[in-house]
Amino acid sequence: MKRNIQLLISEEFAEKTIPENDSVRLLDKVIDEMDLSSLYRTYSRLGRRSATTPRTMLKIVIYAAMESEYSSRNIHSACTRDINYIWLLNGEKAPTYHEIARFRSIRLSECCEELFYQLVQKLKNSGEIQFEHLFVDGTKIEANANKYSFVWKKNTTKYEVRLIEKMDKLIPDLCHKYEVECKEAEELLNVLNSKVQTPFVYGRGRRKSELQRDIEQLTELVGRKKKYETYQETFAGRNSFSKTDPTATFMHLKEDHMRNAQLKPAYNLQLAVEGEYITGFDISSERSDELTLIPLIEKMEKYLGVQYEDVTADAGYESEENYTYFEEKKQTCYIKPQNYERSKTRKFKNNMALRENMHYDADNDEYTCQNGKKLRVMYQGRRKSKSGFESEITYYECENCEGCPHKKNCTRSKGNRKMQVSKKFIEQRKQSLANITSPIGVLLRTNRSIQAEGAFGVIKENYKFRQFLLRGKKKVQTEIAIVAVAYNINKLHHKIQDNRTRTQLHGKLSA
């Protein structure tokens, strides 16, 4: 009876209270046109079926994100009070907060990316995006983890070395003491346990045997060794992680820089935007943006099956690896050099220690400092980055810095000035500088600031999404997928209302 009344309410009030151009109607239409077979496959044929269908659950969760609501309890409350939620339910029973939480963290986590990129393909088919100009930006969002649950790699390595030294000294002593031959701590512990004849004693006033004390000491050391080994595996190339959420890394958040706040567990969120729509996203545990660009592009090409004509990113993404990646794919990149803003200052131009301010003789492959001294090639080598990318480095050394009055401003070395140069990177940076200063480059950089950074502004300020609710990279991906779908539907609704559909860029190309 109650369900029938809810159906009557939704049908009777929908036409009166929900306008035809309301965003909830657009959401309902978009979800109904999507293929949700991947979502239905996450449900088992066995067990009790939910009273709310997966399609309706998806509508409820996405509409909640469109309205900046992420609490499962508040969403459940809205399903019984808000006419828009009741209209989306269409007579179905309102889900409980348990069902909403399980749907978001278990069901959607298995298919969220596939559903998101399905929406991106629909935007392409409708002419909203063209897969031409891609704008990339990143930000750090705090994880749902205790900020005091940090584990640092440097400290872990130091304590592990001390522990191994202590065990290397203890094991031979115990082997000699009990006349056994063991090389491993676990093997020795098993042998000592086999020698126990009387139960161990605990508590005040009870004297432990020497064998019990040795076994307890060795057990404690073995446990610490296993703990440190687990920590080293969890780092996975990082310098820190959180015990509450091991996939989160401690980072400086943008809003905390001015306040000199401590490091907090967070994720590095990367967004790819075209035509003001989010067309790709990725969650990374890397603090730097340099190593996040290629995984984002490869993930998008995997799901979309298409390559963008060009990619525009800010100075945080500049690296020889990224330049080389786009060169090999014959894809134009507009990446601002890291020294672009500084190179226009007087301080930069007057700094004689910088390679950019030295004269280079290409025929002899040598630099001349402002004091007239030659920096000649010593040798060439290869340098491997954190991701495994190798670059060829040329090492230069000044012929004689002794007695130079400018040495203190040029180098801190006691000997001659030395310099490491990647010639390939220098050429790539010159080409990128030419790209971003061209008329099309200026237009694309302006749009990157408007579209990519604007997307983060909407998500953080309008949607109030400043911290993840779920833990683990897979579930965090689900949260971002929900927000990205909600953002795209809201953006499509606003562009329809403003009669701005099928617009790609802001501004015009200058002559």
Protein backbone atom coordinates (compact mmCIF):
# COMPACT_ATOMS: atom_id res chain seq x y z
CA MET A 1 0.00 0.00 0.00
CA LYS A 2 2.78 2.40 0.95
CA ARG A 3 4.58 1.65 -2.31
CA ASN A 4 1.46 2.39 -4.35
CA ILE A 5 1.03 5.72 -2.59
CA GLN A 6 4.65 6.60 -3.39
CA LEU A 7 3.98 5.76 -7.05
CA LEU A 8 0.91 8.01 -7.09
CA ILE A 9 2.90 10.83 -5.50
CA SER A 10 5.67 10.56 -8.08
CA GLU A 11 3.28 10.47 -11.04
CA GLU A 12 0.98 13.22 -9.76
CA PHE A 13 3.63 15.71 -8.65
CA ALA A 14 6.22 15.11 -11.37
CA GLU A 15 4.51 17.19 -14.05
CA LYS A 16 3.64 19.94 -11.58
CA THR A 17 6.86 20.32 -9.61
CA ILE A 18 9.63 19.08 -11.92
CA PRO A 19 10.10 21.35 -14.97
CA GLU A 20 10.68 19.80 -18.36
CA ASN A 21 14.15 21.33 -18.55
CA ASP A 22 15.23 20.12 -15.10
CA SER A 23 18.57 18.31 -14.84
CA VAL A 24 16.95 15.29 -13.16
CA ARG A 25 14.98 14.59 -16.36
CA LEU A 26 18.18 14.75 -18.41
CA LEU A 27 19.86 12.35 -15.97
CA ASP A 28 16.95 9.92 -16.23
CA LYS A 29 17.12 10.01 -20.03
CA VAL A 30 20.90 9.55 -20.19
CA ILE A 31 20.95 6.57 -17.82
CA ASP A 32 18.04 4.90 -19.60
CA GLU A 33 19.98 5.04 -22.87
CA MET A 34 23.10 3.45 -21.39
CA ASP A 35 23.98 -0.24 -21.55
CA LEU A 36 24.19 -1.37 -17.93
CA SER A 37 24.95 -5.03 -18.57
CA SER A 38 28.34 -4.68 -16.85
CA LEU A 39 26.58 -3.34 -13.75
CA TYR A 40 24.02 -6.15 -13.70
CA ARG A 41 26.81 -8.73 -13.96
CA THR A 42 28.12 -7.60 -10.58
CA TYR A 43 24.98 -9.06 -8.99
CA SER A 44 24.85 -12.75 -8.19
CA ARG A 45 21.90 -14.84 -9.29
CA LEU A 46 21.81 -16.36 -5.84
CA GLY A 47 20.60 -14.62 -2.72
CA ARG A 48 17.88 -12.06 -2.11
CA ARG A 49 17.30 -9.41 -4.72
CA SER A 50 17.36 -5.75 -3.79
CA ALA A 51 14.00 -3.96 -3.78
CA THR A 52 15.60 -1.17 -5.88
CA THR A 53 16.86 -2.07 -9.35
CA PRO A 54 20.53 -1.37 -10.23
CA ARG A 55 19.50 1.17 -12.88
CA THR A 56 17.49 3.15 -10.35
CA MET A 57 20.29 2.89 -7.78
CA LEU A 58 22.71 4.33 -10.33
CA LYS A 59 20.36 7.24 -11.00
CA ILE A 60 20.02 7.95 -7.27
CA VAL A 61 23.77 7.87 -6.59
CA ILE A 62 24.66 10.08 -9.58
CA TYR A 63 21.87 12.58 -8.89
CA ALA A 64 23.10 12.83 -5.28
CA ALA A 65 26.55 13.76 -6.59
CA MET A 66 24.94 16.33 -8.89
CA GLU A 67 23.40 17.86 -5.77
CA SER A 68 26.70 17.68 -3.79
CA GLU A 69 25.44 14.92 -1.49
CA TYR A 70 27.73 11.97 -0.69
CA SER A 71 26.51 10.62 2.68
CA SER A 72 24.55 7.39 2.26
CA ARG A 73 22.34 8.29 5.22
CA ASN A 74 21.48 11.68 3.75
CA ILE A 75 20.80 10.10 0.36
CA HIS A 76 18.41 7.62 1.99
CA SER A 77 16.64 10.47 3.76
CA ALA A 78 16.33 12.41 0.48
CA CYS A 79 14.78 9.36 -1.21
CA THR A 80 11.83 9.60 1.20
CA ARG A 81 11.42 13.40 1.18
CA ASP A 82 12.76 14.98 -2.01
CA ILE A 83 10.32 14.90 -4.95
CA ASN A 84 13.18 14.56 -7.47
CA TYR A 85 14.51 11.42 -5.77
CA ILE A 86 10.97 10.02 -5.45
CA TRP A 87 10.40 10.65 -9.15
CA LEU A 88 13.63 8.81 -10.01
CA LEU A 89 12.52 5.85 -7.87
CA ASN A 90 9.36 5.64 -9.99
CA GLY A 91 7.43 3.63 -7.43
CA GLU A 92 10.33 1.47 -6.27
CA LYS A 93 11.16 1.18 -2.61
CA ALA A 94 13.65 3.73 -1.27
CA PRO A 95 17.01 2.01 -0.67
CA THR A 96 18.46 1.93 2.83
CA TYR A 97 21.78 3.61 3.56
CA HIS A 98 23.35 0.14 3.81
CA GLU A 99 22.21 -0.70 0.28
CA ILE A 100 23.47 2.64 -1.04
CA ALA A 101 26.88 2.16 0.60
CA ARG A 102 27.23 -1.42 -0.69
CA PHE A 103 26.15 -0.41 -4.18
CA ARG A 104 28.72 2.36 -4.31
CA SER A 105 31.68 0.49 -2.83
CA ILE A 106 31.06 -3.05 -4.15
CA ARG A 107 28.87 -2.99 -7.26
CA LEU A 108 30.03 0.20 -8.95
CA SER A 109 33.69 -0.40 -8.17
CA GLU A 110 33.66 -3.30 -10.65
CA CYS A 111 32.30 -1.34 -13.62
CA CYS A 112 32.52 2.40 -12.86
CA GLU A 113 35.17 3.19 -15.48
CA GLU A 114 33.35 1.28 -18.21
CA LEU A 115 30.14 3.22 -17.49
CA PHE A 116 31.98 6.55 -17.43
CA TYR A 117 33.66 6.02 -20.79
CA GLN A 118 30.35 4.82 -22.21
CA LEU A 119 28.97 8.27 -21.38
CA VAL A 120 32.01 9.87 -23.03
CA GLN A 121 31.28 7.91 -26.22
CA LYS A 122 27.68 9.14 -26.13
CA LEU A 123 28.94 12.71 -25.89
CA LYS A 124 31.14 12.03 -28.92
CA ASN A 125 28.21 10.61 -30.89
CA SER A 126 26.12 13.69 -30.08
CA GLY A 127 28.88 16.01 -31.31
CA GLU A 128 29.74 17.48 -27.89
CA ILE A 129 33.36 16.33 -28.08
CA GLN A 130 35.57 15.71 -31.10
CA PHE A 131 38.70 14.01 -29.64
CA GLU A 132 40.82 16.92 -30.88
CA HIS A 133 42.17 19.11 -28.07
CA LEU A 134 42.79 17.48 -24.68
CA PHE A 135 43.48 19.56 -21.57
CA VAL A 136 45.11 17.87 -18.56
CA ASP A 137 45.47 19.03 -14.99
CA GLY A 138 45.87 17.46 -11.57
CA THR A 139 45.15 18.14 -7.93
CA LYS A 140 45.60 16.39 -4.62
CA ILE A 141 42.56 15.35 -2.58
CA GLU A 142 42.80 14.16 1.01
CA ALA A 143 42.20 10.46 1.65
CA ASN A 144 39.93 9.02 4.31
CA ALA A 145 42.83 8.13 6.59
CA ASN A 146 44.30 9.19 9.92
CA LYS A 147 46.91 11.90 9.35
CA TYR A 148 49.06 10.41 12.15
CA SER A 149 49.11 6.89 10.67
CA PHE A 150 52.19 7.57 8.54
CA VAL A 151 54.94 5.09 7.72
CA TRP A 152 58.13 6.57 6.22
CA LYS A 153 60.41 4.53 3.97
CA LYS A 154 63.59 6.17 5.22
CA ASN A 155 62.85 5.30 8.85
CA THR A 156 61.65 1.82 7.96
CA THR A 157 64.85 1.07 6.05
CA LYS A 158 66.98 2.40 8.92
CA TYR A 159 65.17 0.29 11.55
CA GLU A 160 65.27 -2.78 9.31
CA VAL A 161 69.04 -2.52 8.90
CA ARG A 162 69.49 -2.26 12.67
CA LEU A 163 67.20 -5.24 13.21
CA ILE A 164 69.11 -7.41 10.74
CA GLU A 165 72.40 -6.51 12.40
CA LYS A 166 70.96 -7.45 15.78
CA MET A 167 69.61 -10.76 14.48
CA ASP A 168 72.91 -11.61 12.74
CA LYS A 169 74.60 -11.25 16.09
CA LEU A 170 71.95 -13.01 18.16
CA ILE A 171 71.42 -16.12 16.01
CA PRO A 172 75.03 -17.44 16.26
CA ASP A 173 75.01 -16.80 20.02
CA LEU A 174 71.80 -18.79 20.50
CA CYS A 175 73.04 -21.58 18.22
CA HIS A 176 76.23 -21.87 20.29
CA LYS A 177 74.29 -21.63 23.55
CA TYR A 178 71.85 -24.46 22.73
CA GLU A 179 74.30 -26.45 20.53
CA VAL A 180 72.25 -26.31 17.33
CA GLU A 181 73.05 -25.30 13.75
CA CYS A 182 70.58 -22.91 12.15
CA LYS A 183 71.03 -20.06 9.70
CA GLU A 184 67.51 -18.64 9.60
CA ALA A 185 65.70 -17.07 12.53
CA GLU A 186 62.43 -18.93 11.82
CA GLU A 187 64.26 -22.27 11.74
CA LEU A 188 66.02 -21.52 15.01
CA LEU A 189 62.73 -20.49 16.60
CA ASN A 190 61.15 -23.83 15.69
CA VAL A 191 64.11 -25.70 17.16
CA LEU A 192 63.94 -23.76 20.42
CA ASN A 193 60.18 -24.32 20.69
CA SER A 194 60.77 -28.06 20.39
CA LYS A 195 63.03 -27.89 23.44
CA VAL A 196 60.28 -26.47 25.67
CA GLN A 197 59.31 -29.01 28.36
CA THR A 198 57.43 -26.87 30.88
CA PRO A 199 54.68 -24.33 30.13
CA PHE A 200 55.67 -20.68 29.92
CA VAL A 201 54.87 -18.51 32.93
CA TYR A 202 53.56 -14.94 32.93
CA GLY A 203 52.66 -12.36 35.51
CA ARG A 204 54.27 -10.58 38.42
CA GLY A 205 56.30 -12.69 40.82
CA ARG A 206 56.90 -15.54 38.39
CA ARG A 207 60.41 -16.11 37.16
CA LYS A 208 60.82 -16.90 33.47
CA SER A 209 63.30 -19.53 32.39
CA GLU A 210 66.24 -18.57 30.25
CA LEU A 211 64.83 -20.55 27.33
CA GLN A 212 61.52 -18.69 27.56
CA ARG A 213 63.27 -15.31 27.52
CA ASP A 214 65.32 -16.29 24.47
CA ILE A 215 62.26 -17.59 22.60
CA GLU A 216 60.27 -14.43 23.38
CA GLN A 217 63.13 -12.20 22.24
CA LEU A 218 63.58 -14.11 19.00
CA THR A 219 59.82 -14.17 18.38
CA GLU A 220 59.65 -10.41 18.79
CA LEU A 221 62.52 -9.89 16.33
CA VAL A 222 61.00 -12.24 13.76
CA GLY A 223 57.68 -10.41 14.02
CA ARG A 224 59.33 -7.04 13.49
CA LYS A 225 61.25 -8.39 10.49
CA LYS A 226 58.04 -9.58 8.83
CA LYS A 227 56.41 -6.23 9.56
CA TYR A 228 59.24 -4.30 7.90
CA GLU A 229 59.17 -6.64 4.89
CA THR A 230 55.43 -5.98 4.53
CA TYR A 231 56.06 -2.23 4.77
CA GLN A 232 58.70 -2.38 2.01
CA GLU A 233 56.26 -4.18 -0.30
CA THR A 234 53.53 -1.64 0.46
CA PHE A 235 55.75 1.34 -0.43
CA ALA A 236 55.88 0.20 -4.09
CA GLY A 237 58.30 2.95 -5.06
CA ARG A 238 56.79 5.58 -2.74
CA ASN A 239 58.39 7.25 0.26
CA SER A 240 55.40 6.93 2.58
CA PHE A 241 51.97 5.39 3.06
CA SER A 242 49.16 5.45 5.59
CA LYS A 243 48.33 2.51 7.84
CA THR A 244 44.64 3.40 7.60
CA ASP A 245 44.69 3.46 3.78
CA PRO A 246 47.91 1.84 2.50
CA THR A 247 47.39 3.05 -1.08
CA ALA A 248 47.36 6.71 0.04
CA THR A 249 50.61 8.72 0.07
CA PHE A 250 51.46 11.64 2.34
CA MET A 251 51.46 14.84 0.31
CA HIS A 252 51.30 18.61 0.69
CA LEU A 253 47.78 19.70 -0.22
CA LYS A 254 47.35 22.89 -2.22
CA GLU A 255 45.18 24.61 0.38
CA ASP A 256 47.72 23.86 3.12
CA HIS A 257 50.81 25.33 1.42
CA MET A 258 50.26 28.86 2.70
CA ARG A 259 49.67 27.64 6.24
CA ASN A 260 52.81 25.48 6.35
CA ALA A 261 50.69 22.52 7.43
CA GLN A 262 51.92 18.99 7.88
CA LEU A 263 51.77 16.30 5.22
CA LYS A 264 48.42 14.54 4.88
CA PRO A 265 47.45 11.21 3.29
CA ALA A 266 46.06 11.98 -0.16
CA TYR A 267 45.67 10.87 -3.77
CA ASN A 268 46.80 12.69 -6.89
CA LEU A 269 43.70 13.13 -9.06
CA GLN A 270 44.28 13.64 -12.80
CA LEU A 271 41.51 14.94 -15.06
CA ALA A 272 41.41 15.17 -18.86
CA VAL A 273 38.93 17.69 -20.24
CA GLU A 274 37.63 18.49 -23.71
CA GLY A 275 34.81 20.86 -24.61
CA GLU A 276 34.34 21.49 -20.86
CA TYR A 277 33.50 17.78 -20.34
CA ILE A 278 35.63 15.36 -18.34
CA THR A 279 36.75 12.74 -20.86
CA GLY A 280 39.24 10.87 -18.68
CA PHE A 281 40.44 10.54 -15.11
CA ASP A 282 43.01 8.64 -13.11
CA ILE A 283 43.97 8.23 -9.47
CA SER A 284 47.67 8.06 -8.65
CA SER A 285 49.70 7.63 -5.48
CA GLU A 286 52.56 9.62 -7.02
CA ARG A 287 53.14 13.07 -5.56
CA SER A 288 54.59 14.45 -8.79
CA ASP A 289 52.52 15.03 -11.93
CA GLU A 290 55.36 13.98 -14.26
CA LEU A 291 54.67 10.25 -13.87
CA THR A 292 50.89 10.51 -14.07
CA LEU A 293 50.42 11.82 -17.62
CA ILE A 294 51.32 8.70 -19.61
CA PRO A 295 49.15 6.31 -17.52
CA LEU A 296 46.20 8.69 -17.94
CA ILE A 297 46.61 8.90 -21.74
CA GLU A 298 47.05 5.13 -22.09
CA LYS A 299 43.97 4.41 -19.98
CA MET A 300 41.86 6.76 -22.10
CA GLU A 301 43.07 5.20 -25.35
CA LYS A 302 42.33 1.74 -23.95
CA TYR A 303 38.69 2.57 -23.23
CA LEU A 304 37.99 5.03 -26.06
CA GLY A 305 40.08 3.42 -28.78
CA VAL A 306 41.09 6.80 -30.20
CA GLN A 307 44.09 9.12 -29.99
CA TYR A 308 43.74 12.86 -29.45
CA GLU A 309 45.34 15.22 -31.94
CA ASP A 310 47.12 17.25 -29.24
CA VAL A 311 47.52 17.41 -25.47
CA THR A 312 47.94 20.59 -23.41
CA ALA A 313 49.37 20.50 -19.88
CA ASP A 314 51.09 22.84 -17.44
CA ALA A 315 54.73 22.93 -16.36
CA GLY A 316 54.32 20.16 -13.78
CA TYR A 317 54.17 17.57 -16.55
CA GLU A 318 57.38 18.55 -18.33
CA SER A 319 59.92 15.75 -18.61
CA GLU A 320 62.01 14.12 -21.30
CA GLU A 321 59.99 10.94 -20.89
CA ASN A 322 56.69 12.71 -21.63
CA TYR A 323 58.18 14.62 -24.57
CA THR A 324 59.57 11.39 -26.04
CA TYR A 325 56.26 9.60 -25.52
CA PHE A 326 54.35 12.12 -27.63
CA GLU A 327 57.12 12.24 -30.25
CA GLU A 328 56.94 8.50 -30.77
CA LYS A 329 53.17 8.70 -31.14
CA LYS A 330 53.48 11.71 -33.49
CA GLN A 331 51.12 13.59 -31.20
CA THR A 332 51.51 17.33 -30.67
CA CYS A 333 51.99 18.39 -27.06
CA TYR A 334 51.71 21.87 -25.59
CA ILE A 335 53.57 21.59 -22.28
CA LYS A 336 54.81 24.77 -20.68
CA PRO A 337 58.54 24.54 -19.74
CA GLN A 338 59.20 24.71 -16.03
CA ASN A 339 61.46 27.74 -16.44
CA TYR A 340 59.06 29.62 -18.71
CA GLU A 341 57.87 32.16 -16.15
CA ARG A 342 61.28 32.54 -14.47
CA SER A 343 63.05 33.03 -17.79
CA LYS A 344 61.24 36.33 -18.26
CA THR A 345 62.59 37.81 -14.99
CA ARG A 346 65.68 39.97 -14.63
CA LYS A 347 67.06 37.71 -11.91
CA PHE A 348 67.04 34.74 -14.27
CA LYS A 349 68.74 36.64 -17.10
CA ASN A 350 71.50 37.92 -14.79
CA ASN A 351 72.24 34.52 -13.21
CA MET A 352 75.59 33.51 -14.72
CA ALA A 353 75.40 30.04 -13.19
CA LEU A 354 72.55 28.97 -15.47
CA ARG A 355 73.27 27.02 -18.63
CA GLU A 356 70.74 29.13 -20.54
CA ASN A 357 72.92 32.22 -19.99
CA MET A 358 76.11 30.59 -21.31
CA HIS A 359 77.29 30.71 -24.92
CA TYR A 360 77.23 27.30 -26.61
CA ASP A 361 79.59 26.32 -29.42
CA ALA A 362 77.85 23.52 -31.29
CA ASP A 363 80.88 22.70 -33.46
CA ASN A 364 83.17 22.03 -30.49
CA ASP A 365 80.37 21.00 -28.14
CA GLU A 366 81.43 23.33 -25.34
CA TYR A 367 79.96 26.11 -23.23
CA THR A 368 81.60 29.43 -22.34
CA CYS A 369 80.80 30.98 -19.00
CA GLN A 370 80.52 34.72 -18.51
CA ASN A 371 84.10 34.80 -17.23
CA GLY A 372 85.37 33.41 -20.54
CA LYS A 373 86.18 29.90 -19.28
CA LYS A 374 85.34 26.81 -21.36
CA LEU A 375 83.15 23.97 -20.09
CA ARG A 376 84.19 20.92 -22.11
CA VAL A 377 82.79 17.42 -22.34
CA MET A 378 84.15 14.98 -19.76
CA TYR A 379 82.14 11.88 -20.69
CA GLN A 380 78.63 10.71 -21.57
CA GLY A 381 76.39 8.45 -19.54
CA ARG A 382 72.82 7.33 -19.05
CA ARG A 383 70.43 8.28 -16.28
CA LYS A 384 67.39 6.22 -15.31
CA SER A 385 64.28 7.89 -13.92
CA LYS A 386 61.94 6.55 -11.26
CA SER A 387 59.72 5.04 -13.94
CA GLY A 388 62.67 3.28 -15.64
CA PHE A 389 63.06 5.73 -18.53
CA GLU A 390 66.70 6.18 -19.60
CA SER A 391 68.06 9.45 -20.96
CA GLU A 392 71.49 10.19 -22.37
CA ILE A 393 73.43 12.73 -20.29
CA THR A 394 76.51 14.70 -21.29
CA TYR A 395 78.81 15.76 -18.42
CA TYR A 396 80.77 19.01 -18.74
CA GLU A 397 83.55 20.45 -16.55
CA CYS A 398 85.08 23.92 -16.55
CA GLU A 399 88.72 24.09 -17.60
CA ASN A 400 89.77 26.13 -14.56
CA CYS A 401 87.71 27.83 -11.86
CA GLU A 402 90.66 28.62 -9.59
CA GLY A 403 90.83 32.29 -8.72
CA CYS A 404 87.56 33.11 -10.47
CA PRO A 405 85.86 36.04 -8.67
CA HIS A 406 82.42 34.75 -9.67
CA LYS A 407 82.88 31.18 -8.41
CA LYS A 408 80.78 31.62 -5.26
CA ASN A 409 77.84 32.71 -7.42
CA CYS A 410 78.40 29.93 -9.94
CA THR A 411 79.03 26.72 -7.98
CA ARG A 412 79.40 25.39 -4.45
CA SER A 413 81.93 22.79 -5.53
CA LYS A 414 85.46 23.03 -4.16
CA GLY A 415 86.86 22.15 -7.56
CA ASN A 416 85.82 23.19 -11.04
CA ARG A 417 82.23 23.81 -12.10
CA LYS A 418 80.50 20.69 -13.43
CA MET A 419 77.29 20.48 -15.40
CA GLN A 420 74.95 17.72 -16.60
CA VAL A 421 73.03 18.28 -19.82
CA SER A 422 70.49 16.21 -21.77
CA LYS A 423 70.81 17.51 -25.33
CA LYS A 424 67.64 15.77 -26.43
CA PHE A 425 65.64 17.37 -23.63
CA ILE A 426 66.97 20.82 -24.57
CA GLU A 427 65.73 20.41 -28.14
CA GLN A 428 62.40 19.09 -26.93
CA ARG A 429 61.98 22.04 -24.58
CA LYS A 430 62.72 24.48 -27.41
CA GLN A 431 60.09 22.83 -29.59
CA SER A 432 57.54 22.89 -26.76
CA LEU A 433 58.29 26.57 -26.14
CA ALA A 434 57.65 27.28 -29.81
CA ASN A 435 54.40 25.33 -29.60
CA ILE A 436 52.97 27.17 -26.60
CA THR A 437 53.94 30.61 -27.88
CA SER A 438 52.30 30.07 -31.28
CA PRO A 439 48.77 31.50 -31.80
CA ILE A 440 47.14 28.08 -31.44
CA GLY A 441 49.32 27.35 -28.40
CA VAL A 442 48.23 30.55 -26.67
CA LEU A 443 44.58 29.71 -27.36
CA LEU A 444 44.95 26.15 -26.05
CA ARG A 445 46.80 27.23 -22.91
CA THR A 446 44.04 29.74 -22.19
CA ASN A 447 41.41 27.04 -22.60
CA ARG A 448 43.35 24.66 -20.38
CA SER A 449 43.16 27.20 -17.57
CA ILE A 450 39.44 27.72 -18.18
CA GLN A 451 38.36 24.13 -18.75
CA ALA A 452 40.71 21.84 -16.80
CA GLU A 453 41.28 24.10 -13.80
CA GLY A 454 37.64 25.16 -14.00
CA ALA A 455 36.56 21.53 -13.63
CA PHE A 456 38.51 21.25 -10.38
CA GLY A 457 37.00 24.52 -9.18
CA VAL A 458 33.49 23.20 -9.73
CA ILE A 459 34.23 19.83 -8.11
CA LYS A 460 35.93 21.30 -5.05
CA GLU A 461 33.82 24.42 -4.49
CA ASN A 462 30.40 23.81 -6.05
CA TYR A 463 30.25 20.07 -5.37
CA LYS A 464 32.08 20.41 -2.02
CA PHE A 465 34.17 17.34 -2.85
CA ARG A 466 37.33 17.85 -0.78
CA GLN A 467 37.91 14.44 0.81
CA PHE A 468 37.28 10.86 -0.20
CA LEU A 469 34.83 8.78 1.80
CA LEU A 470 36.05 5.34 0.73
CA ARG A 471 39.44 3.71 1.22
CA GLY A 472 41.63 1.97 -1.31
CA LYS A 473 42.55 3.11 -4.82
CA LYS A 474 39.86 0.98 -6.48
CA LYS A 475 37.04 2.44 -4.39
CA VAL A 476 38.44 5.95 -4.71
CA GLN A 477 38.30 5.50 -8.50
CA THR A 478 34.60 4.74 -8.05
CA GLU A 479 33.99 7.97 -6.17
CA ILE A 480 35.69 10.01 -8.87
CA ALA A 481 33.78 8.19 -11.62
CA ILE A 482 30.48 9.08 -9.95
CA VAL A 483 31.51 12.73 -9.59
CA ALA A 484 32.78 12.85 -13.20
CA VAL A 485 29.50 11.45 -14.58
CA ALA A 486 27.53 13.90 -12.45
CA TYR A 487 29.75 16.75 -13.65
CA ASN A 488 29.28 15.84 -17.32
CA ILE A 489 25.50 15.58 -17.04
CA ASN A 490 25.30 18.91 -15.23
CA LYS A 491 27.60 20.47 -17.83
CA LEU A 492 25.47 19.11 -20.68
CA HIS A 493 22.33 20.47 -18.99
CA HIS A 494 23.85 23.94 -18.55
CA LYS A 495 25.11 24.05 -22.14
CA ILE A 496 21.65 23.09 -23.41
CA GLN A 497 20.04 25.83 -21.33
CA ASP A 498 22.61 28.41 -22.48
CA ASN A 499 22.40 27.25 -26.11
CA ARG A 500 26.16 26.52 -26.15
CA THR A 501 26.13 22.90 -27.26
CA ARG A 502 28.90 21.61 -29.52
CA THR A 503 31.27 24.39 -28.51
CA GLN A 504 34.87 23.27 -27.99
CA LEU A 505 37.05 26.30 -27.27
CA HIS A 506 36.70 29.68 -25.62
CA GLY A 507 38.04 32.66 -27.55
CA LYS A 508 39.25 32.94 -31.09
CA LEU A 509 42.52 32.15 -32.81
CA SER A 510 44.58 35.33 -33.19
CA ALA A 511 46.16 36.16 -36.51
